[in-house]
């Protein structure tokens, strides 16, 4: 049953775990920055993962610093920000991504976000020798981010031909060994991809820097499932409580960011979506420990 905007606040996460319900920019992508932030705040959300492009558009119309000012007025904190794509594709797409990253780290810093997600979505086939270039590119990106005190969080995706699982992602982050390159988890890509639950044992305490929290539905089958098929937590088959308990045991105590791609969700009043985020994620937070 869909939540109403008036029911918000009924579900509040306990403070002791440090875990907090967060909203990812794509989940309300059909609204401008101001409408999105106001809706999320009206829905009881305190933690946000804002879309940097929309924040920039807001500032072009309302002045430098206006995006952070709005978030401050609404009581929203940027736990992360989204995102930079195509950095793992060769040629012009990579060059454009590195140029875009320069303004995005500035925008993230302005919002008070100390993190940007950098998903690997490489679609071309790769060879072992290509990883040396991958390390070099990530180091270059990290140096762009360093002056702004922003961590770039490598997100493996199940569709990537380069980084599509926990093991590879951890190995890449550790090999680059740069303070501005960090490891994160998207639980949809984790459970729908080639990773195994036992892979979580490879993660060191404190090594997880951000979590995208969504469920994998039983249908369609994982072989033909797409991003749009992600489900609200508890509406699919991912053992989210078991996974979250493990993440908490590994020291994770930050945001659980709801990232959904269904266009019906993305067109829904952000306050209503925020209400449902609280109602579907909070029980998992309460179940920790």
Protein backbone atom coordinates (compact mmCIF):
# COMPACT_ATOMS: atom_id res chain seq x y z
CA UNK A 1 0.00 0.00 0.00
CA UNK A 2 1.44 3.37 -0.97
CA UNK A 3 2.24 5.75 1.83
CA UNK A 4 0.68 9.19 1.98
CA UNK A 5 2.65 12.34 2.60
CA UNK A 6 0.65 12.88 5.77
CA UNK A 7 1.81 9.56 7.26
CA UNK A 8 5.43 10.55 7.30
CA UNK A 9 7.25 10.48 10.55
CA UNK A 10 5.36 7.38 11.64
CA UNK A 11 8.49 5.35 10.98
CA UNK A 12 11.67 6.69 12.51
CA UNK A 13 14.99 4.89 12.53
CA UNK A 14 16.73 4.46 15.88
CA UNK A 15 19.75 6.68 16.39
CA UNK A 16 21.93 4.04 18.07
CA UNK A 17 22.98 2.24 14.86
CA UNK A 18 23.84 5.42 12.97
CA UNK A 19 21.98 4.03 9.95
CA UNK A 20 19.64 6.52 8.31
CA UNK A 21 17.13 6.43 5.45
CA UNK A 22 18.39 8.40 2.46
CA UNK A 23 16.94 9.37 -0.92
CA UNK A 24 18.90 8.98 -4.17
CA UNK A 25 18.38 11.66 -6.82
CA UNK A 26 17.25 9.25 -9.54
CA UNK A 27 14.32 8.09 -7.40
CA UNK A 28 12.60 11.48 -7.87
CA UNK A 29 14.32 12.43 -11.12
CA UNK A 30 11.24 13.86 -12.84
CA UNK A 31 11.26 16.90 -10.55
CA UNK A 32 13.59 19.87 -10.37
CA UNK A 33 16.03 20.27 -7.49
CA UNK A 34 13.84 22.55 -5.39
CA UNK A 35 10.66 20.47 -5.75
CA UNK A 36 12.60 17.29 -5.04
CA UNK A 37 14.33 18.59 -1.90
CA UNK A 38 11.15 20.18 -0.54
CA UNK A 39 9.20 16.98 -1.13
CA UNK A 40 11.78 14.77 0.52
CA UNK A 41 11.92 17.09 3.53
CA UNK A 42 8.12 17.18 3.74
CA UNK A 43 8.24 13.41 3.70
CA UNK A 44 10.46 13.30 6.78
CA UNK A 45 13.78 12.60 5.09
CA UNK A 46 16.97 14.07 6.58
CA UNK A 47 19.64 12.37 4.45
CA UNK A 48 19.92 13.06 0.72
CA UNK A 49 22.01 11.92 -2.21
CA UNK A 50 21.30 14.86 -4.54
CA UNK A 51 21.69 14.89 -8.31
CA UNK A 52 24.62 17.20 -9.07
CA UNK A 53 23.27 18.18 -12.50
CA UNK A 54 19.98 19.33 -10.99
CA UNK A 55 21.81 21.16 -8.20
CA UNK A 56 23.86 22.98 -10.80
CA UNK A 57 20.73 23.91 -12.77
CA UNK A 58 19.21 25.28 -9.56
CA UNK A 59 22.27 27.45 -8.94
CA UNK A 60 22.33 28.74 -12.51
CA UNK A 61 18.79 30.01 -11.93
CA UNK A 62 19.10 31.10 -8.29
CA UNK A 63 22.74 31.97 -7.70
CA UNK A 64 25.88 30.31 -6.41
CA UNK A 65 25.39 28.58 -3.07
CA UNK A 66 21.60 28.54 -3.39
CA UNK A 67 21.38 24.73 -3.54
CA UNK A 68 23.18 24.29 -0.22
CA UNK A 69 21.17 27.13 1.28
CA UNK A 70 17.93 25.38 0.34
CA UNK A 71 19.09 22.07 1.79
CA UNK A 72 20.17 23.76 5.01
CA UNK A 73 16.82 25.50 5.34
CA UNK A 74 15.04 22.17 4.87
CA UNK A 75 17.26 20.31 7.34
CA UNK A 76 18.70 18.02 4.65
CA UNK A 77 22.27 16.72 4.77
CA UNK A 78 24.05 15.49 1.64
CA UNK A 79 25.36 12.08 2.70
CA UNK A 80 26.57 11.47 -0.84
CA UNK A 81 25.96 12.81 -4.37
CA UNK A 82 25.36 11.32 -7.77
CA UNK A 83 27.21 10.63 -10.02
CA UNK A 84 29.92 10.36 -12.72
CA UNK A 85 29.46 7.88 -15.54
CA UNK A 86 31.52 6.85 -18.63
CA UNK A 87 34.87 7.37 -16.94
CA UNK A 88 35.57 3.69 -17.67
CA UNK A 89 34.91 4.03 -21.42
CA UNK A 90 37.84 4.89 -23.72
CA UNK A 91 38.24 7.92 -25.96
CA UNK A 92 36.01 10.99 -26.02
CA UNK A 93 33.53 9.65 -23.46
CA UNK A 94 36.25 9.27 -20.84
CA UNK A 95 37.71 12.69 -21.63
CA UNK A 96 34.27 14.29 -21.26
CA UNK A 97 33.72 12.45 -17.97
CA UNK A 98 36.98 13.77 -16.52
CA UNK A 99 36.04 17.32 -17.55
CA UNK A 100 32.59 16.98 -15.99
CA UNK A 101 34.12 15.61 -12.81
CA UNK A 102 35.92 18.92 -12.26
CA UNK A 103 32.71 20.88 -11.79
CA UNK A 104 30.97 18.01 -10.03
CA UNK A 105 33.51 17.80 -7.21
CA UNK A 106 33.14 21.56 -6.75
CA UNK A 107 29.36 21.22 -6.66
CA UNK A 108 29.55 18.33 -4.21
CA UNK A 109 31.84 20.33 -1.94
CA UNK A 110 29.44 23.27 -2.10
CA UNK A 111 26.55 20.99 -1.05
CA UNK A 112 28.58 19.65 1.86
CA UNK A 113 28.77 16.21 0.23
CA UNK A 114 32.06 14.44 0.88
CA UNK A 115 31.23 11.62 -1.56
CA UNK A 116 30.41 11.11 -5.25
CA UNK A 117 29.36 7.77 -6.70
CA UNK A 118 31.31 6.63 -9.78
CA UNK A 119 29.60 3.52 -11.22
CA UNK A 120 31.42 1.21 -13.59
CA UNK A 121 29.11 0.52 -16.54
CA UNK A 122 31.75 -0.41 -19.15
CA UNK A 123 30.02 -2.17 -22.05
CA UNK A 124 33.06 -3.15 -24.12
CA UNK A 125 34.93 -6.41 -23.66
CA UNK A 126 38.18 -6.01 -21.68
CA UNK A 127 41.47 -7.82 -21.18
CA UNK A 128 43.65 -8.20 -18.11
CA UNK A 129 46.03 -5.54 -19.39
CA UNK A 130 43.20 -2.98 -19.37
CA UNK A 131 43.20 -2.89 -15.57
CA UNK A 132 46.49 -1.01 -15.48
CA UNK A 133 44.79 1.79 -17.39
CA UNK A 134 41.82 1.55 -15.04
CA UNK A 135 44.09 2.15 -12.03
CA UNK A 136 45.68 5.10 -13.79
CA UNK A 137 42.35 6.72 -14.64
CA UNK A 138 41.03 6.30 -11.10
CA UNK A 139 44.20 7.84 -9.70
CA UNK A 140 43.79 10.78 -12.06
CA UNK A 141 40.17 11.22 -10.96
CA UNK A 142 41.17 10.98 -7.31
CA UNK A 143 43.65 13.80 -7.79
CA UNK A 144 40.87 15.95 -9.27
CA UNK A 145 38.75 15.25 -6.19
CA UNK A 146 41.48 15.58 -3.58
CA UNK A 147 41.53 19.42 -3.25
CA UNK A 148 37.78 19.38 -2.64
CA UNK A 149 37.99 16.67 0.04
CA UNK A 150 35.55 14.50 -1.91
CA UNK A 151 35.82 10.71 -2.01
CA UNK A 152 34.98 8.99 -5.29
CA UNK A 153 33.19 5.74 -4.50
CA UNK A 154 33.62 2.95 -7.01
CA UNK A 155 30.26 1.26 -7.59
CA UNK A 156 30.34 -2.13 -9.27
CA UNK A 157 27.32 -2.84 -11.45
CA UNK A 158 26.22 -6.26 -12.61
CA UNK A 159 26.27 -5.11 -16.27
CA UNK A 160 29.85 -3.86 -16.25
CA UNK A 161 32.48 -5.68 -18.32
CA UNK A 162 35.17 -4.28 -16.03
CA UNK A 163 34.00 -4.10 -12.38
CA UNK A 164 30.85 -6.11 -11.67
CA UNK A 165 31.33 -7.73 -8.26
CA UNK A 166 32.57 -7.27 -4.70
CA UNK A 167 35.86 -9.09 -5.23
CA UNK A 168 36.99 -7.06 -8.25
CA UNK A 169 35.80 -3.77 -6.77
CA UNK A 170 37.70 -4.34 -3.53
CA UNK A 171 40.82 -5.35 -5.44
CA UNK A 172 40.68 -2.25 -7.67
CA UNK A 173 40.16 0.14 -4.74
CA UNK A 174 42.98 -1.45 -2.75
CA UNK A 175 45.33 -1.49 -5.74
CA UNK A 176 44.75 2.19 -6.52
CA UNK A 177 45.35 2.85 -2.82
CA UNK A 178 44.35 6.51 -2.90
CA UNK A 179 42.56 8.27 0.00
CA UNK A 180 39.99 9.69 -2.42
CA UNK A 181 38.98 6.35 -3.96
CA UNK A 182 36.62 4.29 -1.79
CA UNK A 183 34.51 1.13 -1.88
CA UNK A 184 30.71 1.11 -1.77
CA UNK A 185 27.85 -1.37 -2.22
CA UNK A 186 24.66 -1.28 -4.26
CA UNK A 187 22.58 -4.12 -2.89
CA UNK A 188 20.64 -4.62 -6.13
CA UNK A 189 23.86 -5.11 -8.11
CA UNK A 190 25.24 -7.22 -5.27
CA UNK A 191 22.37 -9.71 -5.17
CA UNK A 192 21.44 -9.67 -8.89
CA UNK A 193 25.05 -9.95 -10.04
CA UNK A 194 27.90 -12.47 -9.74
CA UNK A 195 28.85 -11.60 -6.16
CA UNK A 196 28.29 -14.13 -3.36
CA UNK A 197 27.18 -13.45 0.20
CA UNK A 198 30.47 -14.90 1.42
CA UNK A 199 32.28 -12.14 -0.49
CA UNK A 200 31.21 -9.76 2.28
CA UNK A 201 33.75 -11.54 4.51
CA UNK A 202 36.47 -10.03 2.31
CA UNK A 203 35.51 -6.50 3.37
CA UNK A 204 37.54 -4.96 6.18
CA UNK A 205 35.91 -3.13 9.04
CA UNK A 206 35.15 0.46 8.03
CA UNK A 207 35.84 -0.17 4.34
CA UNK A 208 32.25 0.44 3.16
CA UNK A 209 31.64 4.12 2.49
CA UNK A 210 28.10 4.17 1.09
CA UNK A 211 25.17 1.83 0.42
CA UNK A 212 22.40 1.92 -2.19
CA UNK A 213 19.41 0.10 -0.73
CA UNK A 214 16.88 -1.57 -3.05
CA UNK A 215 15.36 -5.01 -3.54
CA UNK A 216 15.52 -7.46 -6.43
CA UNK A 217 12.09 -8.72 -7.51
CA UNK A 218 11.35 -12.40 -8.13
CA UNK A 219 10.10 -11.49 -11.62
CA UNK A 220 11.37 -10.79 -14.21
CA UNK A 221 14.18 -13.37 -14.07
CA UNK A 222 17.56 -11.86 -13.30
CA UNK A 223 18.80 -12.73 -16.81
CA UNK A 224 16.42 -10.19 -18.38
CA UNK A 225 15.87 -7.82 -15.44
CA UNK A 226 16.73 -4.15 -15.93
CA UNK A 227 17.40 -1.20 -13.64
CA UNK A 228 13.72 -0.21 -13.88
CA UNK A 229 12.78 -3.49 -12.20
CA UNK A 230 14.35 -2.60 -8.85
CA UNK A 231 11.84 -2.85 -6.00
CA UNK A 232 11.24 -1.08 -2.71
CA UNK A 233 12.96 -2.90 0.17
CA UNK A 234 10.88 -5.84 1.33
CA UNK A 235 9.06 -6.23 -1.99
CA UNK A 236 11.58 -8.62 -3.52
CA UNK A 237 13.73 -11.64 -2.75
CA UNK A 238 16.99 -10.09 -1.57
CA UNK A 239 17.85 -11.15 2.02
CA UNK A 240 18.23 -7.51 3.00
CA UNK A 241 18.14 -8.03 6.77
CA UNK A 242 20.87 -10.66 6.65
CA UNK A 243 23.00 -8.41 4.43
CA UNK A 244 22.41 -5.29 6.53
CA UNK A 245 23.28 -7.15 9.74
CA UNK A 246 26.58 -8.13 8.12
CA UNK A 247 27.28 -4.58 6.94
CA UNK A 248 26.60 -3.22 10.42
CA UNK A 249 28.96 -5.82 11.88
CA UNK A 250 31.58 -4.51 9.45
CA UNK A 251 31.16 -1.05 10.94
CA UNK A 252 28.79 0.52 8.42
CA UNK A 253 26.69 3.16 10.17
CA UNK A 254 25.66 5.70 7.56
CA UNK A 255 23.03 6.18 4.86
CA UNK A 256 20.88 3.55 3.18
CA UNK A 257 20.04 5.36 -0.04
CA UNK A 258 16.89 4.33 -1.91
CA UNK A 259 17.73 4.15 -5.62
CA UNK A 260 14.81 3.20 -7.88
CA UNK A 261 14.50 3.62 -11.65
CA UNK A 262 10.82 2.78 -12.23
CA UNK A 263 9.33 5.76 -14.10
CA UNK A 264 6.11 5.56 -12.10
CA UNK A 265 8.13 6.02 -8.91
CA UNK A 266 10.24 8.77 -10.45
CA UNK A 267 7.04 10.69 -11.38
CA UNK A 268 5.45 10.24 -7.94
CA UNK A 269 5.25 13.19 -5.54
CA UNK A 270 8.67 13.14 -3.81
CA UNK A 271 6.97 13.47 -0.41
CA UNK A 272 4.98 10.28 -1.02
CA UNK A 273 8.06 8.41 -2.22
CA UNK A 274 10.00 9.64 0.81
CA UNK A 275 7.23 8.38 3.08
CA UNK A 276 7.40 4.94 1.52
CA UNK A 277 11.19 4.97 1.77
CA UNK A 278 10.92 5.52 5.53
CA UNK A 279 8.23 2.88 5.92
CA UNK A 280 10.06 0.21 3.93
CA UNK A 281 13.66 0.78 5.07
CA UNK A 282 13.16 1.62 8.75
CA UNK A 283 12.11 -1.94 9.73
CA UNK A 284 15.44 -3.25 8.42
CA UNK A 285 17.32 -0.65 10.45
CA UNK A 286 15.36 -1.62 13.55
CA UNK A 287 16.17 -5.25 12.86
CA UNK A 288 19.93 -4.73 13.04
CA UNK A 289 21.68 -6.38 15.96
